[in-house]
Amino acid sequence: MRKLFLLLVLAISLFAGERIVALSPSINEIIFALGKGEEIVGNTSYCDYPETSQKIAKVGGYFDPSLEKILFLNPTLVIMQQNSYQLSQKLQQLGIKTQVVKIDTLSDIKSSILDIGKTLNRQQDAEKIVNNINQELQKLKNITAGKKILIVIGHNTSLSSKIFVAGQNLYFDDIINESENTNALQSQRKGQPILNMENIIACNPDIVILLAHSMHEKGLSENDLTAPWRELPINAGRTNSIYIIDKLYAGIPSDRLVYFLQDFQGILHDYKKNNLLHPIKEKLY
């Protein structure tokens, strides 16, 4: 009887799954995409997709998760990004399994999806997600090439200062390169460097893409955000090649990266069509 009881306990433990705390929106979305969302017992304040995520216990923000709240949830696995490395060490000392992933570049994102898939025994699902991303990347090719593209992050209604853009060593930069174009900002500045108007003019982008996911909540219109760019002496202003992506997924590298790639592809097609109809003419400022 005792032997039967032990076997029953072992069977339950094998099929009970993990109790996961996801410490970023990207990680949270990846876990759901892998079909393991029901095992998430905690996530961060900004984890709101899919909608079910909003009902999961919050353990703090992306940069300041609470160790106390995490421990209260009695997790068996905490998955986090590199900024939480010290927290990972503390949790390991307490006997809690952790996984640290990196999602800066395209290669990082795909590797992290595969690594999380392996951890959660969802390798096939992870491979499918990565294949979908690769297929969308291939579709970016042979549309328009050699153009300078600037990706801007935020809701700038004035371009006098503090313009956050996608720099090097970031997946936006990789996407631009995969499309056979170049990042208008060519420098050693990584992540999201801050530019001013003079810097922007010096970059002279052919295409400007504004990532402004909460523009409507802030009461902003498309014209509020695009008008300042049309006034600049840059190629994108001259051809009115200023585009907005207002979807939240644009800034969250997860399985939904495919949607951003589709939006990006649409922008390239639109730019090509418009500039075939209205070729750029040289203009002196």
C-alpha atoms as a PDB file:
ATOM      1  CA  MET A   1       0.000   0.000   0.000  1.00  0.00           C
ATOM      2  CA  ARG A   2       2.805   2.388   0.928  1.00  0.00           C
ATOM      3  CA  LYS A   3       4.563   1.624  -2.359  1.00  0.00           C
ATOM      4  CA  LEU A   4       1.358   2.370  -4.288  1.00  0.00           C
ATOM      5  CA  PHE A   5       0.988   5.688  -2.424  1.00  0.00           C
ATOM      6  CA  LEU A   6       4.568   6.719  -3.284  1.00  0.00           C
ATOM      7  CA  LEU A   7       4.020   5.865  -6.935  1.00  0.00           C
ATOM      8  CA  LEU A   8       0.828   7.962  -6.930  1.00  0.00           C
ATOM      9  CA  VAL A   9       2.653  10.947  -5.402  1.00  0.00           C
ATOM     10  CA  LEU A  10       5.428  10.600  -7.985  1.00  0.00           C
ATOM     11  CA  ALA A  11       2.911  10.447 -10.844  1.00  0.00           C
ATOM     12  CA  ILE A  12       1.134  13.577  -9.598  1.00  0.00           C
ATOM     13  CA  SER A  13       4.427  15.458  -9.313  1.00  0.00           C
ATOM     14  CA  LEU A  14       5.410  14.477 -12.844  1.00  0.00           C
ATOM     15  CA  PHE A  15       2.191  15.774 -14.363  1.00  0.00           C
ATOM     16  CA  ALA A  16       1.573  18.737 -12.079  1.00  0.00           C
ATOM     17  CA  GLY A  17       3.807  20.986 -14.171  1.00  0.00           C
ATOM     18  CA  GLU A  18       5.719  24.031 -12.987  1.00  0.00           C
ATOM     19  CA  ARG A  19       4.720  27.022 -10.914  1.00  0.00           C
ATOM     20  CA  ILE A  20       6.288  29.737 -13.046  1.00  0.00           C
ATOM     21  CA  VAL A  21       6.997  33.388 -12.370  1.00  0.00           C
ATOM     22  CA  ALA A  22       7.620  35.336 -15.600  1.00  0.00           C
ATOM     23  CA  LEU A  23       9.600  38.531 -15.011  1.00  0.00           C
ATOM     24  CA  SER A  24       8.969  40.382 -18.296  1.00  0.00           C
ATOM     25  CA  PRO A  25       6.120  40.816 -20.798  1.00  0.00           C
ATOM     26  CA  SER A  26       8.183  39.044 -23.489  1.00  0.00           C
ATOM     27  CA  ILE A  27       8.778  35.991 -21.322  1.00  0.00           C
ATOM     28  CA  ASN A  28       5.144  35.940 -20.226  1.00  0.00           C
ATOM     29  CA  GLU A  29       3.945  36.000 -23.859  1.00  0.00           C
ATOM     30  CA  ILE A  30       6.411  33.325 -24.946  1.00  0.00           C
ATOM     31  CA  ILE A  31       5.232  30.967 -22.203  1.00  0.00           C
ATOM     32  CA  PHE A  32       1.606  31.478 -23.225  1.00  0.00           C
ATOM     33  CA  ALA A  33       2.514  30.939 -26.883  1.00  0.00           C
ATOM     34  CA  LEU A  34       4.137  27.647 -25.897  1.00  0.00           C
ATOM     35  CA  GLY A  35       0.849  26.514 -24.335  1.00  0.00           C
ATOM     36  CA  LYS A  36       2.048  26.772 -20.740  1.00  0.00           C
ATOM     37  CA  GLY A  37       0.235  29.907 -19.630  1.00  0.00           C
ATOM     38  CA  GLU A  38      -1.770  28.010 -17.034  1.00  0.00           C
ATOM     39  CA  GLU A  39       1.473  27.290 -15.150  1.00  0.00           C
ATOM     40  CA  ILE A  40       2.273  30.994 -14.636  1.00  0.00           C
ATOM     41  CA  VAL A  41       1.502  31.945 -11.030  1.00  0.00           C
ATOM     42  CA  GLY A  42       3.154  35.368 -11.114  1.00  0.00           C
ATOM     43  CA  ASN A  43       4.276  38.015 -13.586  1.00  0.00           C
ATOM     44  CA  THR A  44       5.060  41.742 -13.694  1.00  0.00           C
ATOM     45  CA  SER A  45       2.882  44.849 -13.759  1.00  0.00           C
ATOM     46  CA  TYR A  46       3.243  45.296 -17.522  1.00  0.00           C
ATOM     47  CA  CYS A  47       2.318  41.717 -18.426  1.00  0.00           C
ATOM     48  CA  ASP A  48      -1.131  42.306 -19.890  1.00  0.00           C
ATOM     49  CA  TYR A  49      -1.208  40.044 -22.969  1.00  0.00           C
ATOM     50  CA  PRO A  50      -2.946  37.729 -23.421  1.00  0.00           C
ATOM     51  CA  GLU A  51      -5.833  39.123 -21.374  1.00  0.00           C
ATOM     52  CA  THR A  52      -5.596  36.272 -18.876  1.00  0.00           C
ATOM     53  CA  SER A  53      -2.210  37.683 -17.848  1.00  0.00           C
ATOM     54  CA  GLN A  54      -3.904  40.648 -16.215  1.00  0.00           C
ATOM     55  CA  LYS A  55      -5.482  38.366 -13.599  1.00  0.00           C
ATOM     56  CA  ILE A  56      -2.206  36.740 -12.592  1.00  0.00           C
ATOM     57  CA  ALA A  57      -0.512  37.872  -9.362  1.00  0.00           C
ATOM     58  CA  LYS A  58       1.889  40.769  -9.898  1.00  0.00           C
ATOM     59  CA  VAL A  59       5.345  40.707  -8.316  1.00  0.00           C
ATOM     60  CA  GLY A  60       6.397  44.252  -9.207  1.00  0.00           C
ATOM     61  CA  GLY A  61       7.829  45.961 -12.267  1.00  0.00           C
ATOM     62  CA  TYR A  62      10.341  44.878 -14.866  1.00  0.00           C
ATOM     63  CA  PHE A  63      13.248  46.569 -13.066  1.00  0.00           C
ATOM     64  CA  ASP A  64      12.055  46.149  -9.471  1.00  0.00           C
ATOM     65  CA  PRO A  65      10.414  42.757  -8.893  1.00  0.00           C
ATOM     66  CA  SER A  66       9.803  41.963  -5.234  1.00  0.00           C
ATOM     67  CA  LEU A  67      11.681  38.947  -3.878  1.00  0.00           C
ATOM     68  CA  GLU A  68       9.141  38.686  -1.069  1.00  0.00           C
ATOM     69  CA  LYS A  69       6.190  38.533  -3.468  1.00  0.00           C
ATOM     70  CA  ILE A  70       7.961  35.958  -5.623  1.00  0.00           C
ATOM     71  CA  LEU A  71       8.662  33.716  -2.643  1.00  0.00           C
ATOM     72  CA  PHE A  72       5.052  34.052  -1.434  1.00  0.00           C
ATOM     73  CA  LEU A  73       3.901  32.412  -4.690  1.00  0.00           C
ATOM     74  CA  ASN A  74       6.071  29.339  -3.988  1.00  0.00           C
ATOM     75  CA  PRO A  75       7.387  29.042  -7.563  1.00  0.00           C
ATOM     76  CA  THR A  76       9.278  26.058  -8.925  1.00  0.00           C
ATOM     77  CA  LEU A  77      10.727  28.124 -11.789  1.00  0.00           C
ATOM     78  CA  VAL A  78      11.435  31.834 -12.290  1.00  0.00           C
ATOM     79  CA  ILE A  79      12.292  32.977 -15.819  1.00  0.00           C
ATOM     80  CA  MET A  80      13.874  36.401 -16.226  1.00  0.00           C
ATOM     81  CA  GLN A  81      16.021  38.583 -18.454  1.00  0.00           C
ATOM     82  CA  GLN A  82      19.640  39.507 -17.824  1.00  0.00           C
ATOM     83  CA  ASN A  83      18.802  42.649 -15.864  1.00  0.00           C
ATOM     84  CA  SER A  84      17.580  40.356 -13.036  1.00  0.00           C
ATOM     85  CA  TYR A  85      20.777  38.284 -12.818  1.00  0.00           C
ATOM     86  CA  GLN A  86      21.417  39.171  -9.156  1.00  0.00           C
ATOM     87  CA  LEU A  87      17.863  38.169  -8.278  1.00  0.00           C
ATOM     88  CA  SER A  88      18.506  34.863 -10.019  1.00  0.00           C
ATOM     89  CA  GLN A  89      21.473  34.206  -7.733  1.00  0.00           C
ATOM     90  CA  LYS A  90      19.406  34.927  -4.615  1.00  0.00           C
ATOM     91  CA  LEU A  91      16.632  32.592  -5.746  1.00  0.00           C
ATOM     92  CA  GLN A  92      19.089  29.810  -6.526  1.00  0.00           C
ATOM     93  CA  GLN A  93      20.552  30.152  -3.039  1.00  0.00           C
ATOM     94  CA  LEU A  94      17.018  29.593  -1.743  1.00  0.00           C
ATOM     95  CA  GLY A  95      16.684  26.443  -3.832  1.00  0.00           C
ATOM     96  CA  ILE A  96      14.440  27.887  -6.540  1.00  0.00           C
ATOM     97  CA  LYS A  97      15.216  27.018 -10.149  1.00  0.00           C
ATOM     98  CA  THR A  98      15.786  29.991 -12.435  1.00  0.00           C
ATOM     99  CA  GLN A  99      16.360  30.600 -16.115  1.00  0.00           C
ATOM    100  CA  VAL A 100      17.970  33.779 -17.451  1.00  0.00           C
ATOM    101  CA  VAL A 101      17.360  34.660 -21.093  1.00  0.00           C
ATOM    102  CA  LYS A 102      18.583  37.414 -23.379  1.00  0.00           C
ATOM    103  CA  ILE A 103      16.276  39.073 -25.937  1.00  0.00           C
ATOM    104  CA  ASP A 104      18.281  42.012 -27.288  1.00  0.00           C
ATOM    105  CA  THR A 105      18.984  40.803 -30.826  1.00  0.00           C
ATOM    106  CA  LEU A 106      17.041  38.642 -33.277  1.00  0.00           C
ATOM    107  CA  SER A 107      19.402  35.773 -32.594  1.00  0.00           C
ATOM    108  CA  ASP A 108      18.861  36.214 -28.842  1.00  0.00           C
ATOM    109  CA  ILE A 109      15.081  36.195 -29.235  1.00  0.00           C
ATOM    110  CA  LYS A 110      15.016  33.017 -31.294  1.00  0.00           C
ATOM    111  CA  SER A 111      17.492  31.251 -28.997  1.00  0.00           C
ATOM    112  CA  SER A 112      15.491  32.252 -25.917  1.00  0.00           C
ATOM    113  CA  ILE A 113      12.246  30.930 -27.393  1.00  0.00           C
ATOM    114  CA  LEU A 114      13.963  27.617 -28.099  1.00  0.00           C
ATOM    115  CA  ASP A 115      15.582  27.517 -24.645  1.00  0.00           C
ATOM    116  CA  ILE A 116      12.297  28.220 -22.839  1.00  0.00           C
ATOM    117  CA  GLY A 117      10.608  25.637 -25.058  1.00  0.00           C
ATOM    118  CA  LYS A 118      13.191  23.061 -24.014  1.00  0.00           C
ATOM    119  CA  THR A 119      12.784  23.918 -20.328  1.00  0.00           C
ATOM    120  CA  LEU A 120       8.997  23.537 -20.552  1.00  0.00           C
ATOM    121  CA  ASN A 121       9.183  20.434 -22.772  1.00  0.00           C
ATOM    122  CA  ARG A 122       7.608  22.321 -25.673  1.00  0.00           C
ATOM    123  CA  GLN A 123      10.412  22.064 -28.201  1.00  0.00           C
ATOM    124  CA  GLN A 124       8.165  21.536 -31.236  1.00  0.00           C
ATOM    125  CA  ASP A 125       6.018  24.555 -30.378  1.00  0.00           C
ATOM    126  CA  ALA A 126       9.153  26.671 -29.918  1.00  0.00           C
ATOM    127  CA  GLU A 127      10.563  25.535 -33.262  1.00  0.00           C
ATOM    128  CA  LYS A 128       7.276  26.422 -34.953  1.00  0.00           C
ATOM    129  CA  ILE A 129       7.372  29.951 -33.493  1.00  0.00           C
ATOM    130  CA  VAL A 130      10.974  30.446 -34.645  1.00  0.00           C
ATOM    131  CA  ASN A 131      10.151  29.101 -38.116  1.00  0.00           C
ATOM    132  CA  ASN A 132       7.279  31.593 -38.378  1.00  0.00           C
ATOM    133  CA  ILE A 133       9.654  34.431 -37.478  1.00  0.00           C
ATOM    134  CA  ASN A 134      12.199  33.258 -40.064  1.00  0.00           C
ATOM    135  CA  GLN A 135       9.524  33.038 -42.769  1.00  0.00           C
ATOM    136  CA  GLU A 136       8.408  36.621 -42.115  1.00  0.00           C
ATOM    137  CA  LEU A 137      12.024  37.794 -42.173  1.00  0.00           C
ATOM    138  CA  GLN A 138      12.473  36.252 -45.616  1.00  0.00           C
ATOM    139  CA  LYS A 139       9.468  38.230 -46.888  1.00  0.00           C
ATOM    140  CA  LEU A 140      11.283  41.494 -46.101  1.00  0.00           C
ATOM    141  CA  LYS A 141      13.825  40.896 -48.824  1.00  0.00           C
ATOM    142  CA  ASN A 142      13.646  42.191 -52.402  1.00  0.00           C
ATOM    143  CA  ILE A 143      11.161  44.981 -51.630  1.00  0.00           C
ATOM    144  CA  THR A 144      13.404  48.024 -51.396  1.00  0.00           C
ATOM    145  CA  ALA A 145      17.098  48.073 -50.599  1.00  0.00           C
ATOM    146  CA  GLY A 146      19.817  50.470 -49.550  1.00  0.00           C
ATOM    147  CA  LYS A 147      17.482  52.888 -47.762  1.00  0.00           C
ATOM    148  CA  LYS A 148      18.313  54.504 -44.441  1.00  0.00           C
ATOM    149  CA  ILE A 149      15.617  53.659 -41.893  1.00  0.00           C
ATOM    150  CA  LEU A 150      15.244  55.316 -38.493  1.00  0.00           C
ATOM    151  CA  ILE A 151      13.077  53.633 -35.854  1.00  0.00           C
ATOM    152  CA  VAL A 152      11.933  56.096 -33.175  1.00  0.00           C
ATOM    153  CA  ILE A 153      10.526  55.040 -29.795  1.00  0.00           C
ATOM    154  CA  GLY A 154       8.078  57.296 -28.006  1.00  0.00           C
ATOM    155  CA  HIS A 155       5.564  60.088 -28.544  1.00  0.00           C
ATOM    156  CA  ASN A 156       7.585  63.117 -29.622  1.00  0.00           C
ATOM    157  CA  THR A 157       5.393  66.063 -30.579  1.00  0.00           C
ATOM    158  CA  SER A 158       8.546  68.191 -30.579  1.00  0.00           C
ATOM    159  CA  LEU A 159      11.952  67.208 -31.918  1.00  0.00           C
ATOM    160  CA  SER A 160      13.993  69.673 -29.894  1.00  0.00           C
ATOM    161  CA  SER A 161      15.496  66.993 -27.627  1.00  0.00           C
ATOM    162  CA  LYS A 162      15.287  63.482 -26.155  1.00  0.00           C
ATOM    163  CA  ILE A 163      14.450  61.477 -29.256  1.00  0.00           C
ATOM    164  CA  PHE A 164      14.885  57.796 -28.412  1.00  0.00           C
ATOM    165  CA  VAL A 165      15.832  55.660 -31.402  1.00  0.00           C
ATOM    166  CA  ALA A 166      16.834  52.075 -32.107  1.00  0.00           C
ATOM    167  CA  GLY A 167      20.606  51.838 -32.064  1.00  0.00           C
ATOM    168  CA  GLN A 168      22.976  48.965 -32.666  1.00  0.00           C
ATOM    169  CA  ASN A 169      22.837  45.574 -30.952  1.00  0.00           C
ATOM    170  CA  LEU A 170      19.022  45.597 -30.897  1.00  0.00           C
ATOM    171  CA  TYR A 171      16.554  43.452 -32.807  1.00  0.00           C
ATOM    172  CA  PHE A 172      15.151  46.493 -34.645  1.00  0.00           C
ATOM    173  CA  ASP A 173      18.607  47.044 -36.131  1.00  0.00           C
ATOM    174  CA  ASP A 174      18.747  43.376 -37.141  1.00  0.00           C
ATOM    175  CA  ILE A 175      15.350  43.616 -38.837  1.00  0.00           C
ATOM    176  CA  ILE A 176      16.443  46.651 -40.843  1.00  0.00           C
ATOM    177  CA  ASN A 177      19.560  44.789 -41.975  1.00  0.00           C
ATOM    178  CA  GLU A 178      17.558  41.657 -42.835  1.00  0.00           C
ATOM    179  CA  SER A 179      15.387  43.804 -45.120  1.00  0.00           C
ATOM    180  CA  GLU A 180      18.541  44.765 -47.078  1.00  0.00           C
ATOM    181  CA  ASN A 181      18.402  48.335 -45.784  1.00  0.00           C
ATOM    182  CA  THR A 182      20.505  50.142 -43.184  1.00  0.00           C
ATOM    183  CA  ASN A 183      19.925  51.771 -39.832  1.00  0.00           C
ATOM    184  CA  ALA A 184      20.041  55.547 -40.382  1.00  0.00           C
ATOM    185  CA  LEU A 185      21.980  55.807 -37.119  1.00  0.00           C
ATOM    186  CA  GLN A 186      25.399  54.352 -37.827  1.00  0.00           C
ATOM    187  CA  SER A 187      27.378  54.565 -34.602  1.00  0.00           C
ATOM    188  CA  GLN A 188      28.658  52.475 -31.716  1.00  0.00           C
ATOM    189  CA  ARG A 189      25.704  53.536 -29.591  1.00  0.00           C
ATOM    190  CA  LYS A 190      23.762  50.459 -28.552  1.00  0.00           C
ATOM    191  CA  GLY A 191      20.232  49.915 -27.292  1.00  0.00           C
ATOM    192  CA  GLN A 192      18.082  53.041 -27.416  1.00  0.00           C
ATOM    193  CA  PRO A 193      20.357  56.097 -27.683  1.00  0.00           C
ATOM    194  CA  ILE A 194      18.942  59.630 -27.371  1.00  0.00           C
ATOM    195  CA  LEU A 195      19.295  61.992 -30.331  1.00  0.00           C
ATOM    196  CA  ASN A 196      18.456  65.637 -30.903  1.00  0.00           C
ATOM    197  CA  MET A 197      17.215  67.437 -34.012  1.00  0.00           C
ATOM    198  CA  GLU A 198      20.728  68.074 -35.312  1.00  0.00           C
ATOM    199  CA  ASN A 199      21.578  64.394 -34.999  1.00  0.00           C
ATOM    200  CA  ILE A 200      18.421  63.440 -36.900  1.00  0.00           C
ATOM    201  CA  ILE A 201      19.197  65.827 -39.748  1.00  0.00           C
ATOM    202  CA  ALA A 202      22.729  64.439 -39.940  1.00  0.00           C
ATOM    203  CA  CYS A 203      21.328  60.889 -40.207  1.00  0.00           C
ATOM    204  CA  ASN A 204      19.019  62.003 -43.052  1.00  0.00           C
ATOM    205  CA  PRO A 205      16.758  58.926 -42.979  1.00  0.00           C
ATOM    206  CA  ASP A 206      14.774  57.893 -46.059  1.00  0.00           C
ATOM    207  CA  ILE A 207      12.115  56.246 -43.893  1.00  0.00           C
ATOM    208  CA  VAL A 208      11.101  57.083 -40.323  1.00  0.00           C
ATOM    209  CA  ILE A 209       9.057  54.578 -38.307  1.00  0.00           C
ATOM    210  CA  LEU A 210       7.503  55.841 -35.071  1.00  0.00           C
ATOM    211  CA  LEU A 211       6.702  53.224 -32.426  1.00  0.00           C
ATOM    212  CA  ALA A 212       3.926  54.885 -30.414  1.00  0.00           C
ATOM    213  CA  HIS A 213       1.793  52.141 -28.922  1.00  0.00           C
ATOM    214  CA  SER A 214      -0.220  54.282 -26.470  1.00  0.00           C
ATOM    215  CA  MET A 215      -0.720  57.365 -28.652  1.00  0.00           C
ATOM    216  CA  HIS A 216      -4.514  57.207 -28.514  1.00  0.00           C
ATOM    217  CA  GLU A 217      -4.553  56.810 -24.731  1.00  0.00           C
ATOM    218  CA  LYS A 218      -2.431  59.949 -24.583  1.00  0.00           C
ATOM    219  CA  GLY A 219      -4.904  61.799 -26.776  1.00  0.00           C
ATOM    220  CA  LEU A 220      -2.485  62.100 -29.697  1.00  0.00           C
ATOM    221  CA  SER A 221      -3.337  61.917 -33.390  1.00  0.00           C
ATOM    222  CA  GLU A 222      -1.133  60.663 -36.211  1.00  0.00           C
ATOM    223  CA  ASN A 223      -0.637  64.232 -37.377  1.00  0.00           C
ATOM    224  CA  ASP A 224       0.553  65.271 -33.892  1.00  0.00           C
ATOM    225  CA  LEU A 225       3.427  62.806 -34.214  1.00  0.00           C
ATOM    226  CA  THR A 226       4.246  62.974 -37.922  1.00  0.00           C
ATOM    227  CA  ALA A 227       3.976  66.744 -38.511  1.00  0.00           C
ATOM    228  CA  PRO A 228       7.302  67.676 -36.808  1.00  0.00           C
ATOM    229  CA  TRP A 229       9.146  65.137 -38.984  1.00  0.00           C
ATOM    230  CA  ARG A 230       7.673  66.482 -42.217  1.00  0.00           C
ATOM    231  CA  GLU A 231       9.191  69.865 -41.386  1.00  0.00           C
ATOM    232  CA  LEU A 232      12.746  68.516 -41.150  1.00  0.00           C
ATOM    233  CA  PRO A 233      15.190  68.796 -44.068  1.00  0.00           C
ATOM    234  CA  ILE A 234      15.483  65.022 -44.426  1.00  0.00           C
ATOM    235  CA  ASN A 235      14.562  62.637 -47.235  1.00  0.00           C
ATOM    236  CA  ALA A 236      11.743  61.063 -45.203  1.00  0.00           C
ATOM    237  CA  GLY A 237      10.161  64.471 -44.665  1.00  0.00           C
ATOM    238  CA  ARG A 238      10.535  65.373 -48.330  1.00  0.00           C
ATOM    239  CA  THR A 239       8.682  62.225 -49.493  1.00  0.00           C
ATOM    240  CA  ASN A 240       6.300  62.062 -46.530  1.00  0.00           C
ATOM    241  CA  SER A 241       7.733  58.661 -45.624  1.00  0.00           C
ATOM    242  CA  ILE A 242       6.832  58.906 -41.937  1.00  0.00           C
ATOM    243  CA  TYR A 243       5.025  55.840 -40.593  1.00  0.00           C
ATOM    244  CA  ILE A 244       3.461  54.952 -37.255  1.00  0.00           C
ATOM    245  CA  ILE A 245       3.097  51.525 -35.655  1.00  0.00           C
ATOM    246  CA  ASP A 246       0.806  51.975 -32.664  1.00  0.00           C
ATOM    247  CA  LYS A 247       0.557  48.344 -31.582  1.00  0.00           C
ATOM    248  CA  LEU A 248       1.937  47.249 -28.215  1.00  0.00           C
ATOM    249  CA  TYR A 249       3.581  44.169 -29.732  1.00  0.00           C
ATOM    250  CA  ALA A 250       6.009  46.412 -31.632  1.00  0.00           C
ATOM    251  CA  GLY A 251       8.107  46.770 -28.498  1.00  0.00           C
ATOM    252  CA  ILE A 252       7.731  43.260 -27.069  1.00  0.00           C
ATOM    253  CA  PRO A 253       9.961  40.610 -28.657  1.00  0.00           C
ATOM    254  CA  SER A 254       7.951  37.410 -28.335  1.00  0.00           C
ATOM    255  CA  ASP A 255       6.044  35.148 -30.723  1.00  0.00           C
ATOM    256  CA  ARG A 256       4.135  38.301 -31.750  1.00  0.00           C
ATOM    257  CA  LEU A 257       7.288  39.594 -33.392  1.00  0.00           C
ATOM    258  CA  VAL A 258       5.774  38.169 -36.593  1.00  0.00           C
ATOM    259  CA  TYR A 259       3.103  40.883 -36.471  1.00  0.00           C
ATOM    260  CA  PHE A 260       5.714  43.615 -36.279  1.00  0.00           C
ATOM    261  CA  LEU A 261       7.556  42.031 -39.206  1.00  0.00           C
ATOM    262  CA  GLN A 262       4.324  42.061 -41.211  1.00  0.00           C
ATOM    263  CA  ASP A 263       3.800  45.746 -40.369  1.00  0.00           C
ATOM    264  CA  PHE A 264       7.405  46.472 -41.357  1.00  0.00           C
ATOM    265  CA  GLN A 265       6.911  44.649 -44.644  1.00  0.00           C
ATOM    266  CA  GLY A 266       3.800  46.735 -45.334  1.00  0.00           C
ATOM    267  CA  ILE A 267       5.774  49.934 -44.746  1.00  0.00           C
ATOM    268  CA  LEU A 268       8.468  48.881 -47.218  1.00  0.00           C
ATOM    269  CA  HIS A 269       5.856  48.062 -49.856  1.00  0.00           C
ATOM    270  CA  ASP A 270       4.120  51.391 -49.306  1.00  0.00           C
ATOM    271  CA  TYR A 271       7.404  53.278 -49.541  1.00  0.00           C
ATOM    272  CA  LYS A 272       8.303  51.482 -52.775  1.00  0.00           C
ATOM    273  CA  LYS A 273       4.892  52.166 -54.329  1.00  0.00           C
ATOM    274  CA  ASN A 274       4.866  55.844 -53.361  1.00  0.00           C
ATOM    275  CA  ASN A 275       8.371  56.494 -54.594  1.00  0.00           C
ATOM    276  CA  LEU A 276       7.765  54.751 -57.903  1.00  0.00           C
ATOM    277  CA  LEU A 277       4.823  57.085 -58.425  1.00  0.00           C
ATOM    278  CA  HIS A 278       6.621  60.119 -57.054  1.00  0.00           C
ATOM    279  CA  PRO A 279      10.414  59.761 -57.484  1.00  0.00           C
ATOM    280  CA  ILE A 280      12.561  61.788 -55.094  1.00  0.00           C
ATOM    281  CA  LYS A 281      13.776  65.024 -56.610  1.00  0.00           C
ATOM    282  CA  GLU A 282      16.838  66.740 -55.342  1.00  0.00           C
ATOM    283  CA  LYS A 283      16.022  69.725 -53.189  1.00  0.00           C
ATOM    284  CA  LEU A 284      18.298  72.276 -51.633  1.00  0.00           C
ATOM    285  CA  TYR A 285      17.437  73.540 -48.155  1.00  0.00           C
END
